[in-house]
Amino acid sequence: MKALRFDGNNLTLADVPLPQSAEEALVRVTTSGICNTDLEIVRGYAGFEGTIGHEFVGVVEQADDRPDLVGKRVIGEINAGCGTCEKCAAGDPRHCPTRTVLGIVGRDGCHAEYLSLPSRNLLVLPNNVSDEQAVFAEPLAAAYGITEQVDITPETKVAVIGDGKLGLLCAMSLALRSQNVTIIGKHPSKILIAENAGVKPLLLADVEAKMFGAFDVVVEASGSESGFATALDLVRPRGKIVLKSTFHGTPAWAASRVVVDEITIVGSRCGRFAPALELLTSGSIDVTPLISDEFSLIDGVAAMDRAAENGVLKVLLRP
């Protein structure tokens, strides 16, 4: 099969064997989405080598332990746990100490014609959710997963820094919980997407000193050190800063301000897929305005270049 592979230095489209595992389901990929994490991996983040990609929709071709899944259109939780540790036994492998992560840690990803995952990771898609919508399940789960860690009420004043794919999904999903969500970005056309979903838009250049300390929760989704500095300015004393970005490098941060203002820093990575799928099924979130382009898998390297361009949101791949 064809697969988009990173060898530690170069990204290429390669011919590789189909995944073969009697213990996992074989899924034929129909659509995959390029994520900023994919871009960071090819810049050296996490030291991953292999097939990249973790956002996908596919059709189950084989599942020895779940034959009822064969022929079903599915998405899949990206964290594959051991199945026996305390975390896995509780039904949450996201922090299993020996987990693999699709296209990120120890497991080939989805920018390929086929992938394998444990059948317990797969969720069957309803007919009213298209492939184009369903491919957003993973980043939408990550965005809405903030609500697992931070209490968001209708009165909570929330600022989301960053108008990329993740920032937009964070703002749009949190606006379902709070009536006071502001997105801060550099691109009027991008923040307009969130504004259409009931989010207050604000250009970074228009942030004023009177806004400092005005927000209960600030989500940093820009992927830049300056974004964290802005978050420190905007959050109130004893407020919370949620860090959503993963990027290569070691950022510097003003620890003294965190201590003096007694700010809580929350790291937030993966969310659960089921709540995200409910949002897509109900039509509560419209993700289609975030799609910028689409490529065939055979043009995967060019698609990655396209995804890295300024102003581009989601780029899809079709095997």
C-alpha atoms as a PDB file:
ATOM      1  CA  MET A   1       0.000   0.000   0.000  1.00  0.00           C
ATOM      2  CA  LYS A   2       0.954   3.660  -0.275  1.00  0.00           C
ATOM      3  CA  ALA A   3       1.835   5.551   2.907  1.00  0.00           C
ATOM      4  CA  LEU A   4       3.219   8.984   3.768  1.00  0.00           C
ATOM      5  CA  ARG A   5       6.360   8.206   5.762  1.00  0.00           C
ATOM      6  CA  PHE A   6       8.870  10.223   7.779  1.00  0.00           C
ATOM      7  CA  ASP A   7      12.271   8.610   8.358  1.00  0.00           C
ATOM      8  CA  GLY A   8      13.678  11.170  10.761  1.00  0.00           C
ATOM      9  CA  ASN A   9      14.988  13.365   7.967  1.00  0.00           C
ATOM     10  CA  ASN A  10      12.763  13.124   4.902  1.00  0.00           C
ATOM     11  CA  LEU A  11       9.062  12.848   4.164  1.00  0.00           C
ATOM     12  CA  THR A  12       8.210  10.563   1.236  1.00  0.00           C
ATOM     13  CA  LEU A  13       5.366   8.577  -0.254  1.00  0.00           C
ATOM     14  CA  ALA A  14       6.446   4.963   0.144  1.00  0.00           C
ATOM     15  CA  ASP A  15       5.258   1.458  -0.717  1.00  0.00           C
ATOM     16  CA  VAL A  16       4.892  -0.552   2.501  1.00  0.00           C
ATOM     17  CA  PRO A  17       3.163  -3.816   3.484  1.00  0.00           C
ATOM     18  CA  LEU A  18      -0.424  -3.691   4.662  1.00  0.00           C
ATOM     19  CA  PRO A  19      -0.781  -3.807   8.456  1.00  0.00           C
ATOM     20  CA  GLN A  20      -1.236  -7.364   9.674  1.00  0.00           C
ATOM     21  CA  SER A  21      -2.420  -8.063  13.209  1.00  0.00           C
ATOM     22  CA  ALA A  22      -4.794 -10.770  14.353  1.00  0.00           C
ATOM     23  CA  GLU A  23      -5.496  -8.723  17.467  1.00  0.00           C
ATOM     24  CA  GLU A  24      -6.502  -5.491  15.695  1.00  0.00           C
ATOM     25  CA  ALA A  25      -8.971  -4.310  13.090  1.00  0.00           C
ATOM     26  CA  LEU A  26      -7.835  -3.500   9.571  1.00  0.00           C
ATOM     27  CA  VAL A  27      -9.337  -0.219   8.338  1.00  0.00           C
ATOM     28  CA  ARG A  28      -9.312   1.046   4.759  1.00  0.00           C
ATOM     29  CA  VAL A  29      -8.786   4.798   4.992  1.00  0.00           C
ATOM     30  CA  THR A  30     -11.188   6.940   2.968  1.00  0.00           C
ATOM     31  CA  THR A  31     -10.207  10.388   4.253  1.00  0.00           C
ATOM     32  CA  SER A  32      -7.475  11.737   6.503  1.00  0.00           C
ATOM     33  CA  GLY A  33      -6.721  15.215   7.778  1.00  0.00           C
ATOM     34  CA  ILE A  34      -3.364  16.941   8.147  1.00  0.00           C
ATOM     35  CA  CYS A  35      -2.801  18.309  11.638  1.00  0.00           C
ATOM     36  CA  ASN A  36      -0.239  20.788  12.964  1.00  0.00           C
ATOM     37  CA  THR A  37       1.210  17.876  14.934  1.00  0.00           C
ATOM     38  CA  ASP A  38       2.018  16.194  11.598  1.00  0.00           C
ATOM     39  CA  LEU A  39       3.892  19.325  10.559  1.00  0.00           C
ATOM     40  CA  GLU A  40       5.774  19.416  13.859  1.00  0.00           C
ATOM     41  CA  ILE A  41       6.718  15.736  13.561  1.00  0.00           C
ATOM     42  CA  VAL A  42       8.519  16.362  10.279  1.00  0.00           C
ATOM     43  CA  ARG A  43      10.332  19.226  12.040  1.00  0.00           C
ATOM     44  CA  GLY A  44      11.580  16.822  14.700  1.00  0.00           C
ATOM     45  CA  TYR A  45       8.852  16.887  17.366  1.00  0.00           C
ATOM     46  CA  ALA A  46       8.598  13.679  19.452  1.00  0.00           C
ATOM     47  CA  GLY A  47      11.264  11.844  17.454  1.00  0.00           C
ATOM     48  CA  PHE A  48       8.638   9.842  15.581  1.00  0.00           C
ATOM     49  CA  GLU A  49       9.510   7.802  12.502  1.00  0.00           C
ATOM     50  CA  GLY A  50       6.983   5.964  10.368  1.00  0.00           C
ATOM     51  CA  THR A  51       3.630   6.696   8.749  1.00  0.00           C
ATOM     52  CA  ILE A  52       2.289  10.010  10.016  1.00  0.00           C
ATOM     53  CA  GLY A  53      -1.313  11.121  10.561  1.00  0.00           C
ATOM     54  CA  HIS A  54      -3.959  10.534  13.229  1.00  0.00           C
ATOM     55  CA  GLU A  55      -7.199  12.105  11.914  1.00  0.00           C
ATOM     56  CA  PHE A  56      -9.111   9.649   9.744  1.00  0.00           C
ATOM     57  CA  VAL A  57     -12.342   8.140   8.499  1.00  0.00           C
ATOM     58  CA  GLY A  58     -12.335   4.621   7.110  1.00  0.00           C
ATOM     59  CA  VAL A  59     -14.188   1.379   6.473  1.00  0.00           C
ATOM     60  CA  VAL A  60     -13.453  -1.740   8.505  1.00  0.00           C
ATOM     61  CA  GLU A  61     -12.155  -4.504   6.251  1.00  0.00           C
ATOM     62  CA  GLN A  62     -11.330  -7.082   8.926  1.00  0.00           C
ATOM     63  CA  ALA A  63     -11.932  -7.403  12.670  1.00  0.00           C
ATOM     64  CA  ASP A  64     -11.621 -10.949  13.963  1.00  0.00           C
ATOM     65  CA  ASP A  65     -12.850 -10.036  17.449  1.00  0.00           C
ATOM     66  CA  ARG A  66     -15.658  -7.768  16.173  1.00  0.00           C
ATOM     67  CA  PRO A  67     -16.994  -9.179  12.880  1.00  0.00           C
ATOM     68  CA  ASP A  68     -20.042  -6.908  13.266  1.00  0.00           C
ATOM     69  CA  LEU A  69     -17.791  -3.951  12.444  1.00  0.00           C
ATOM     70  CA  VAL A  70     -16.794  -5.236   8.992  1.00  0.00           C
ATOM     71  CA  GLY A  71     -18.101  -2.921   6.297  1.00  0.00           C
ATOM     72  CA  LYS A  72     -18.904  -0.156   8.801  1.00  0.00           C
ATOM     73  CA  ARG A  73     -17.681   3.417   8.373  1.00  0.00           C
ATOM     74  CA  VAL A  74     -15.639   4.380  11.443  1.00  0.00           C
ATOM     75  CA  ILE A  75     -13.422   6.860  13.200  1.00  0.00           C
ATOM     76  CA  GLY A  76     -10.933   5.809  15.853  1.00  0.00           C
ATOM     77  CA  GLU A  77      -9.537   6.919  19.196  1.00  0.00           C
ATOM     78  CA  ILE A  78      -5.833   7.493  18.583  1.00  0.00           C
ATOM     79  CA  ASN A  79      -4.476   6.220  21.934  1.00  0.00           C
ATOM     80  CA  ALA A  80      -4.068   2.437  22.035  1.00  0.00           C
ATOM     81  CA  GLY A  81      -3.470   1.257  25.585  1.00  0.00           C
ATOM     82  CA  CYS A  82      -2.261  -2.041  26.966  1.00  0.00           C
ATOM     83  CA  GLY A  83      -5.794  -2.991  27.985  1.00  0.00           C
ATOM     84  CA  THR A  84      -4.820  -4.224  31.458  1.00  0.00           C
ATOM     85  CA  CYS A  85      -3.375  -1.340  33.492  1.00  0.00           C
ATOM     86  CA  GLU A  86      -5.435   0.754  35.919  1.00  0.00           C
ATOM     87  CA  LYS A  87      -6.054   3.467  33.333  1.00  0.00           C
ATOM     88  CA  CYS A  88      -7.153   1.035  30.627  1.00  0.00           C
ATOM     89  CA  ALA A  89      -9.314  -0.947  33.058  1.00  0.00           C
ATOM     90  CA  ALA A  90     -11.131   2.315  33.818  1.00  0.00           C
ATOM     91  CA  GLY A  91     -11.825   2.729  30.105  1.00  0.00           C
ATOM     92  CA  ASP A  92      -9.398   5.592  29.501  1.00  0.00           C
ATOM     93  CA  PRO A  93      -6.143   4.583  27.763  1.00  0.00           C
ATOM     94  CA  ARG A  94      -5.100   8.185  27.094  1.00  0.00           C
ATOM     95  CA  HIS A  95      -2.539   7.974  29.896  1.00  0.00           C
ATOM     96  CA  CYS A  96      -1.686   4.288  29.780  1.00  0.00           C
ATOM     97  CA  PRO A  97       2.073   4.238  30.520  1.00  0.00           C
ATOM     98  CA  THR A  98       2.760   1.877  27.594  1.00  0.00           C
ATOM     99  CA  ARG A  99       0.248   3.309  25.117  1.00  0.00           C
ATOM    100  CA  THR A 100       0.999   3.835  21.474  1.00  0.00           C
ATOM    101  CA  VAL A 101      -0.517   6.793  19.637  1.00  0.00           C
ATOM    102  CA  LEU A 102      -1.612   6.654  16.013  1.00  0.00           C
ATOM    103  CA  GLY A 103       0.980   8.379  13.851  1.00  0.00           C
ATOM    104  CA  ILE A 104       2.659  10.001  16.865  1.00  0.00           C
ATOM    105  CA  VAL A 105       4.137   7.426  19.273  1.00  0.00           C
ATOM    106  CA  GLY A 106       5.157   3.886  18.372  1.00  0.00           C
ATOM    107  CA  ARG A 107       2.354   3.224  15.852  1.00  0.00           C
ATOM    108  CA  ASP A 108       2.022   3.869  12.128  1.00  0.00           C
ATOM    109  CA  GLY A 109      -0.605   6.480  11.308  1.00  0.00           C
ATOM    110  CA  CYS A 110      -3.431   7.122   8.911  1.00  0.00           C
ATOM    111  CA  HIS A 111      -1.932   8.995   5.939  1.00  0.00           C
ATOM    112  CA  ALA A 112      -1.999   5.669   4.148  1.00  0.00           C
ATOM    113  CA  GLU A 113      -4.364   3.373   2.307  1.00  0.00           C
ATOM    114  CA  TYR A 114      -4.851   1.181   5.383  1.00  0.00           C
ATOM    115  CA  LEU A 115      -4.256   1.322   9.126  1.00  0.00           C
ATOM    116  CA  SER A 116      -4.777  -0.944  12.102  1.00  0.00           C
ATOM    117  CA  LEU A 117      -6.248  -0.162  15.523  1.00  0.00           C
ATOM    118  CA  PRO A 118      -7.790  -2.223  18.307  1.00  0.00           C
ATOM    119  CA  SER A 119     -11.481  -2.677  17.563  1.00  0.00           C
ATOM    120  CA  ARG A 120     -12.316  -1.156  20.957  1.00  0.00           C
ATOM    121  CA  ASN A 121     -10.922   2.141  19.644  1.00  0.00           C
ATOM    122  CA  LEU A 122     -13.399   2.346  16.764  1.00  0.00           C
ATOM    123  CA  LEU A 123     -16.682   4.265  16.707  1.00  0.00           C
ATOM    124  CA  VAL A 124     -19.277   3.655  14.007  1.00  0.00           C
ATOM    125  CA  LEU A 125     -20.409   6.790  12.183  1.00  0.00           C
ATOM    126  CA  PRO A 126     -24.067   7.699  11.693  1.00  0.00           C
ATOM    127  CA  ASN A 127     -25.181   8.245   8.113  1.00  0.00           C
ATOM    128  CA  ASN A 128     -25.798  11.972   8.577  1.00  0.00           C
ATOM    129  CA  VAL A 129     -22.133  12.685   9.352  1.00  0.00           C
ATOM    130  CA  SER A 130     -20.048  12.979   6.186  1.00  0.00           C
ATOM    131  CA  ASP A 131     -16.422  11.923   5.837  1.00  0.00           C
ATOM    132  CA  GLU A 132     -15.465  15.599   5.617  1.00  0.00           C
ATOM    133  CA  GLN A 133     -17.137  16.275   8.957  1.00  0.00           C
ATOM    134  CA  ALA A 134     -16.062  13.065  10.688  1.00  0.00           C
ATOM    135  CA  VAL A 135     -12.363  13.617   9.956  1.00  0.00           C
ATOM    136  CA  PHE A 136     -12.558  16.498  12.455  1.00  0.00           C
ATOM    137  CA  ALA A 137     -13.551  14.171  15.309  1.00  0.00           C
ATOM    138  CA  GLU A 138     -10.042  13.995  16.761  1.00  0.00           C
ATOM    139  CA  PRO A 139      -9.259  17.746  16.885  1.00  0.00           C
ATOM    140  CA  LEU A 140     -12.827  18.517  17.979  1.00  0.00           C
ATOM    141  CA  ALA A 141     -12.476  15.962  20.772  1.00  0.00           C
ATOM    142  CA  ALA A 142      -9.223  17.626  21.810  1.00  0.00           C
ATOM    143  CA  ALA A 143     -10.901  21.036  21.823  1.00  0.00           C
ATOM    144  CA  TYR A 144     -14.045  20.001  23.689  1.00  0.00           C
ATOM    145  CA  GLY A 145     -11.909  17.889  26.036  1.00  0.00           C
ATOM    146  CA  ILE A 146     -11.059  21.106  27.873  1.00  0.00           C
ATOM    147  CA  THR A 147     -14.446  20.768  29.551  1.00  0.00           C
ATOM    148  CA  GLU A 148     -13.265  17.539  31.200  1.00  0.00           C
ATOM    149  CA  GLN A 149     -10.576  19.450  33.067  1.00  0.00           C
ATOM    150  CA  VAL A 150     -11.967  22.955  33.529  1.00  0.00           C
ATOM    151  CA  ASP A 151     -15.477  23.873  34.635  1.00  0.00           C
ATOM    152  CA  ILE A 152     -17.030  26.115  31.973  1.00  0.00           C
ATOM    153  CA  THR A 153     -20.371  27.701  32.877  1.00  0.00           C
ATOM    154  CA  PRO A 154     -22.532  30.171  30.914  1.00  0.00           C
ATOM    155  CA  GLU A 155     -20.909  32.990  32.913  1.00  0.00           C
ATOM    156  CA  THR A 156     -17.275  31.878  32.530  1.00  0.00           C
ATOM    157  CA  LYS A 157     -15.236  34.482  30.673  1.00  0.00           C
ATOM    158  CA  VAL A 158     -13.078  32.581  28.205  1.00  0.00           C
ATOM    159  CA  ALA A 159     -10.392  33.818  25.815  1.00  0.00           C
ATOM    160  CA  VAL A 160      -8.917  31.553  23.139  1.00  0.00           C
ATOM    161  CA  ILE A 161      -5.573  32.675  21.728  1.00  0.00           C
ATOM    162  CA  GLY A 162      -4.911  31.459  18.196  1.00  0.00           C
ATOM    163  CA  ASP A 163      -7.118  31.331  15.108  1.00  0.00           C
ATOM    164  CA  GLY A 164      -5.759  28.164  13.566  1.00  0.00           C
ATOM    165  CA  LYS A 165      -7.739  24.953  13.306  1.00  0.00           C
ATOM    166  CA  LEU A 166      -7.443  24.025  16.965  1.00  0.00           C
ATOM    167  CA  GLY A 167      -8.077  27.538  18.245  1.00  0.00           C
ATOM    168  CA  LEU A 168     -11.225  27.827  16.156  1.00  0.00           C
ATOM    169  CA  LEU A 169     -12.518  24.462  17.339  1.00  0.00           C
ATOM    170  CA  CYS A 170     -11.763  25.380  20.959  1.00  0.00           C
ATOM    171  CA  ALA A 171     -13.654  28.660  20.655  1.00  0.00           C
ATOM    172  CA  MET A 172     -16.600  27.150  18.774  1.00  0.00           C
ATOM    173  CA  SER A 173     -17.016  24.217  21.158  1.00  0.00           C
ATOM    174  CA  LEU A 174     -16.563  26.239  24.353  1.00  0.00           C
ATOM    175  CA  ALA A 175     -19.191  28.674  23.079  1.00  0.00           C
ATOM    176  CA  LEU A 176     -21.657  25.830  23.551  1.00  0.00           C
ATOM    177  CA  ARG A 177     -20.941  26.061  27.300  1.00  0.00           C
ATOM    178  CA  SER A 178     -20.262  29.778  27.845  1.00  0.00           C
ATOM    179  CA  GLN A 179     -21.899  32.927  26.541  1.00  0.00           C
ATOM    180  CA  ASN A 180     -18.648  34.852  27.027  1.00  0.00           C
ATOM    181  CA  VAL A 181     -16.064  33.370  24.646  1.00  0.00           C
ATOM    182  CA  THR A 182     -13.597  35.593  22.786  1.00  0.00           C
ATOM    183  CA  ILE A 183     -11.174  34.384  20.117  1.00  0.00           C
ATOM    184  CA  ILE A 184      -7.972  36.358  19.607  1.00  0.00           C
ATOM    185  CA  GLY A 185      -6.103  35.984  16.327  1.00  0.00           C
ATOM    186  CA  LYS A 186      -4.264  37.706  13.528  1.00  0.00           C
ATOM    187  CA  HIS A 187      -6.487  36.824  10.565  1.00  0.00           C
ATOM    188  CA  PRO A 188      -9.895  38.502  10.129  1.00  0.00           C
ATOM    189  CA  SER A 189     -11.082  35.800   7.732  1.00  0.00           C
ATOM    190  CA  LYS A 190     -10.345  33.066  10.265  1.00  0.00           C
ATOM    191  CA  ILE A 191     -11.867  34.673  13.329  1.00  0.00           C
ATOM    192  CA  LEU A 192     -14.962  35.354  11.230  1.00  0.00           C
ATOM    193  CA  ILE A 193     -15.544  31.581  11.202  1.00  0.00           C
ATOM    194  CA  ALA A 194     -15.739  31.604  14.995  1.00  0.00           C
ATOM    195  CA  GLU A 195     -17.826  34.780  15.016  1.00  0.00           C
ATOM    196  CA  ASN A 196     -20.425  33.019  12.865  1.00  0.00           C
ATOM    197  CA  ALA A 197     -20.606  30.392  15.620  1.00  0.00           C
ATOM    198  CA  GLY A 198     -21.385  32.956  18.322  1.00  0.00           C
ATOM    199  CA  VAL A 199     -17.831  33.776  19.430  1.00  0.00           C
ATOM    200  CA  LYS A 200     -16.653  37.341  19.975  1.00  0.00           C
ATOM    201  CA  PRO A 201     -13.797  38.108  17.529  1.00  0.00           C
ATOM    202  CA  LEU A 202     -10.774  40.167  18.510  1.00  0.00           C
ATOM    203  CA  LEU A 203      -7.662  40.886  16.482  1.00  0.00           C
ATOM    204  CA  LEU A 204      -4.424  40.499  18.420  1.00  0.00           C
ATOM    205  CA  ALA A 205      -3.432  44.031  17.454  1.00  0.00           C
ATOM    206  CA  ASP A 206      -6.582  45.323  19.188  1.00  0.00           C
ATOM    207  CA  VAL A 207      -5.902  43.753  22.576  1.00  0.00           C
ATOM    208  CA  GLU A 208      -5.837  46.575  25.119  1.00  0.00           C
ATOM    209  CA  ALA A 209      -4.370  46.885  28.606  1.00  0.00           C
ATOM    210  CA  LYS A 210      -7.866  47.251  30.067  1.00  0.00           C
ATOM    211  CA  MET A 211      -8.470  43.621  29.076  1.00  0.00           C
ATOM    212  CA  PHE A 212      -5.599  42.388  31.236  1.00  0.00           C
ATOM    213  CA  GLY A 213      -6.845  40.150  34.014  1.00  0.00           C
ATOM    214  CA  ALA A 214     -10.358  40.095  32.534  1.00  0.00           C
ATOM    215  CA  PHE A 215     -10.739  36.375  31.781  1.00  0.00           C
ATOM    216  CA  ASP A 216     -11.413  33.429  34.056  1.00  0.00           C
ATOM    217  CA  VAL A 217      -9.989  30.916  31.587  1.00  0.00           C
ATOM    218  CA  VAL A 218      -7.502  31.535  28.764  1.00  0.00           C
ATOM    219  CA  VAL A 219      -6.822  28.800  26.212  1.00  0.00           C
ATOM    220  CA  GLU A 220      -3.437  29.061  24.504  1.00  0.00           C
ATOM    221  CA  ALA A 221      -3.771  27.467  21.061  1.00  0.00           C
ATOM    222  CA  SER A 222      -1.406  29.575  18.993  1.00  0.00           C
ATOM    223  CA  GLY A 223       1.611  27.305  19.347  1.00  0.00           C
ATOM    224  CA  SER A 224       3.915  30.235  20.131  1.00  0.00           C
ATOM    225  CA  GLU A 225       5.746  31.505  23.205  1.00  0.00           C
ATOM    226  CA  SER A 226       4.199  34.932  22.684  1.00  0.00           C
ATOM    227  CA  GLY A 227       0.787  33.298  23.004  1.00  0.00           C
ATOM    228  CA  PHE A 228       1.611  32.159  26.523  1.00  0.00           C
ATOM    229  CA  ALA A 229       2.809  35.652  27.421  1.00  0.00           C
ATOM    230  CA  THR A 230      -0.494  37.054  26.167  1.00  0.00           C
ATOM    231  CA  ALA A 231      -2.368  34.445  28.190  1.00  0.00           C
ATOM    232  CA  LEU A 232      -0.564  35.586  31.346  1.00  0.00           C
ATOM    233  CA  ASP A 233      -1.667  39.147  30.624  1.00  0.00           C
ATOM    234  CA  LEU A 234      -5.306  38.249  30.042  1.00  0.00           C
ATOM    235  CA  VAL A 235      -6.024  35.745  32.809  1.00  0.00           C
ATOM    236  CA  ARG A 236      -7.287  37.012  36.159  1.00  0.00           C
ATOM    237  CA  PRO A 237      -5.526  36.190  39.441  1.00  0.00           C
ATOM    238  CA  ARG A 238      -6.383  32.605  40.413  1.00  0.00           C
ATOM    239  CA  GLY A 239      -7.631  32.019  36.893  1.00  0.00           C
ATOM    240  CA  LYS A 240      -6.682  29.119  34.631  1.00  0.00           C
ATOM    241  CA  ILE A 241      -4.502  28.920  31.535  1.00  0.00           C
ATOM    242  CA  VAL A 242      -5.110  25.869  29.347  1.00  0.00           C
ATOM    243  CA  LEU A 243      -2.190  24.861  27.136  1.00  0.00           C
ATOM    244  CA  LYS A 244      -3.392  23.137  23.955  1.00  0.00           C
ATOM    245  CA  SER A 245      -0.399  23.491  21.636  1.00  0.00           C
ATOM    246  CA  THR A 246       2.394  21.019  21.095  1.00  0.00           C
ATOM    247  CA  PHE A 247       5.434  22.391  19.322  1.00  0.00           C
ATOM    248  CA  HIS A 248       9.107  21.629  18.938  1.00  0.00           C
ATOM    249  CA  GLY A 249      11.426  23.422  21.335  1.00  0.00           C
ATOM    250  CA  THR A 250      11.650  24.481  24.988  1.00  0.00           C
ATOM    251  CA  PRO A 251       9.617  27.613  25.698  1.00  0.00           C
ATOM    252  CA  ALA A 252      10.550  30.222  28.285  1.00  0.00           C
ATOM    253  CA  TRP A 253       7.858  31.441  30.663  1.00  0.00           C
ATOM    254  CA  ALA A 254       7.476  33.903  33.526  1.00  0.00           C
ATOM    255  CA  ALA A 255       7.179  31.522  36.469  1.00  0.00           C
ATOM    256  CA  SER A 256       7.113  34.365  38.988  1.00  0.00           C
ATOM    257  CA  ARG A 257       3.877  35.753  37.514  1.00  0.00           C
ATOM    258  CA  VAL A 258       2.256  32.337  37.762  1.00  0.00           C
ATOM    259  CA  VAL A 259       3.208  32.137  41.441  1.00  0.00           C
ATOM    260  CA  VAL A 260       2.320  35.714  42.414  1.00  0.00           C
ATOM    261  CA  ASP A 261      -1.094  35.620  40.691  1.00  0.00           C
ATOM    262  CA  GLU A 262      -1.698  31.998  41.778  1.00  0.00           C
ATOM    263  CA  ILE A 263      -2.547  30.938  38.250  1.00  0.00           C
ATOM    264  CA  THR A 264      -3.413  27.332  37.486  1.00  0.00           C
ATOM    265  CA  ILE A 265      -1.721  25.925  34.373  1.00  0.00           C
ATOM    266  CA  VAL A 266      -3.625  23.050  32.755  1.00  0.00           C
ATOM    267  CA  GLY A 267      -2.096  20.846  30.095  1.00  0.00           C
ATOM    268  CA  SER A 268      -4.774  19.495  27.767  1.00  0.00           C
ATOM    269  CA  ARG A 269      -4.083  16.954  25.032  1.00  0.00           C
ATOM    270  CA  CYS A 270      -6.672  14.417  23.862  1.00  0.00           C
ATOM    271  CA  GLY A 271     -10.407  14.427  24.444  1.00  0.00           C
ATOM    272  CA  ARG A 272     -12.905  11.602  24.153  1.00  0.00           C
ATOM    273  CA  PHE A 273     -14.341  10.937  20.707  1.00  0.00           C
ATOM    274  CA  ALA A 274     -17.915  10.129  21.758  1.00  0.00           C
ATOM    275  CA  PRO A 275     -18.825  13.687  22.882  1.00  0.00           C
ATOM    276  CA  ALA A 276     -17.219  15.125  19.741  1.00  0.00           C
ATOM    277  CA  LEU A 277     -19.190  12.721  17.562  1.00  0.00           C
ATOM    278  CA  GLU A 278     -22.378  13.824  19.332  1.00  0.00           C
ATOM    279  CA  LEU A 279     -21.593  17.457  18.451  1.00  0.00           C
ATOM    280  CA  LEU A 280     -21.093  16.522  14.803  1.00  0.00           C
ATOM    281  CA  THR A 281     -24.189  14.325  14.685  1.00  0.00           C
ATOM    282  CA  SER A 282     -26.416  16.997  16.210  1.00  0.00           C
ATOM    283  CA  GLY A 283     -25.033  19.736  13.953  1.00  0.00           C
ATOM    284  CA  SER A 284     -23.954  21.774  16.984  1.00  0.00           C
ATOM    285  CA  ILE A 285     -20.583  22.418  15.336  1.00  0.00           C
ATOM    286  CA  ASP A 286     -20.111  23.159  11.630  1.00  0.00           C
ATOM    287  CA  VAL A 287     -16.546  22.215  10.759  1.00  0.00           C
ATOM    288  CA  THR A 288     -16.792  22.523   6.980  1.00  0.00           C
ATOM    289  CA  PRO A 289     -15.656  26.193   6.844  1.00  0.00           C
ATOM    290  CA  LEU A 290     -12.299  25.003   8.204  1.00  0.00           C
ATOM    291  CA  ILE A 291     -11.499  22.932   5.091  1.00  0.00           C
ATOM    292  CA  SER A 292      -8.987  24.760   2.898  1.00  0.00           C
ATOM    293  CA  ASP A 293      -7.929  22.144   0.374  1.00  0.00           C
ATOM    294  CA  GLU A 294      -7.931  18.489  -0.633  1.00  0.00           C
ATOM    295  CA  PHE A 295      -5.238  16.294  -2.211  1.00  0.00           C
ATOM    296  CA  SER A 296      -4.808  12.726  -3.317  1.00  0.00           C
ATOM    297  CA  LEU A 297      -2.562  10.672  -1.049  1.00  0.00           C
ATOM    298  CA  ILE A 298      -0.107  10.275  -3.927  1.00  0.00           C
ATOM    299  CA  ASP A 299       0.424  14.047  -3.642  1.00  0.00           C
ATOM    300  CA  GLY A 300       0.841  13.835   0.128  1.00  0.00           C
ATOM    301  CA  VAL A 301       4.184  15.651   0.262  1.00  0.00           C
ATOM    302  CA  ALA A 302       2.715  18.577  -1.662  1.00  0.00           C
ATOM    303  CA  ALA A 303      -0.319  18.466   0.634  1.00  0.00           C
ATOM    304  CA  MET A 304       1.944  18.830   3.661  1.00  0.00           C
ATOM    305  CA  ASP A 305       3.637  21.818   2.036  1.00  0.00           C
ATOM    306  CA  ARG A 306       0.224  23.315   1.393  1.00  0.00           C
ATOM    307  CA  ALA A 307      -0.852  22.728   4.997  1.00  0.00           C
ATOM    308  CA  ALA A 308       2.238  24.580   6.211  1.00  0.00           C
ATOM    309  CA  GLU A 309       1.401  27.753   4.265  1.00  0.00           C
ATOM    310  CA  ASN A 310       0.244  30.815   6.195  1.00  0.00           C
ATOM    311  CA  GLY A 311      -3.508  31.184   6.366  1.00  0.00           C
ATOM    312  CA  VAL A 312      -4.287  27.558   5.454  1.00  0.00           C
ATOM    313  CA  LEU A 313      -6.596  25.618   7.755  1.00  0.00           C
ATOM    314  CA  LYS A 314      -7.477  21.941   7.234  1.00  0.00           C
ATOM    315  CA  VAL A 315      -6.047  20.031   4.275  1.00  0.00           C
ATOM    316  CA  LEU A 316      -7.592  16.646   3.541  1.00  0.00           C
ATOM    317  CA  LEU A 317      -6.013  13.585   1.929  1.00  0.00           C
ATOM    318  CA  ARG A 318      -7.899  10.974  -0.106  1.00  0.00           C
ATOM    319  CA  PRO A 319      -6.189   7.617  -0.670  1.00  0.00           C
END
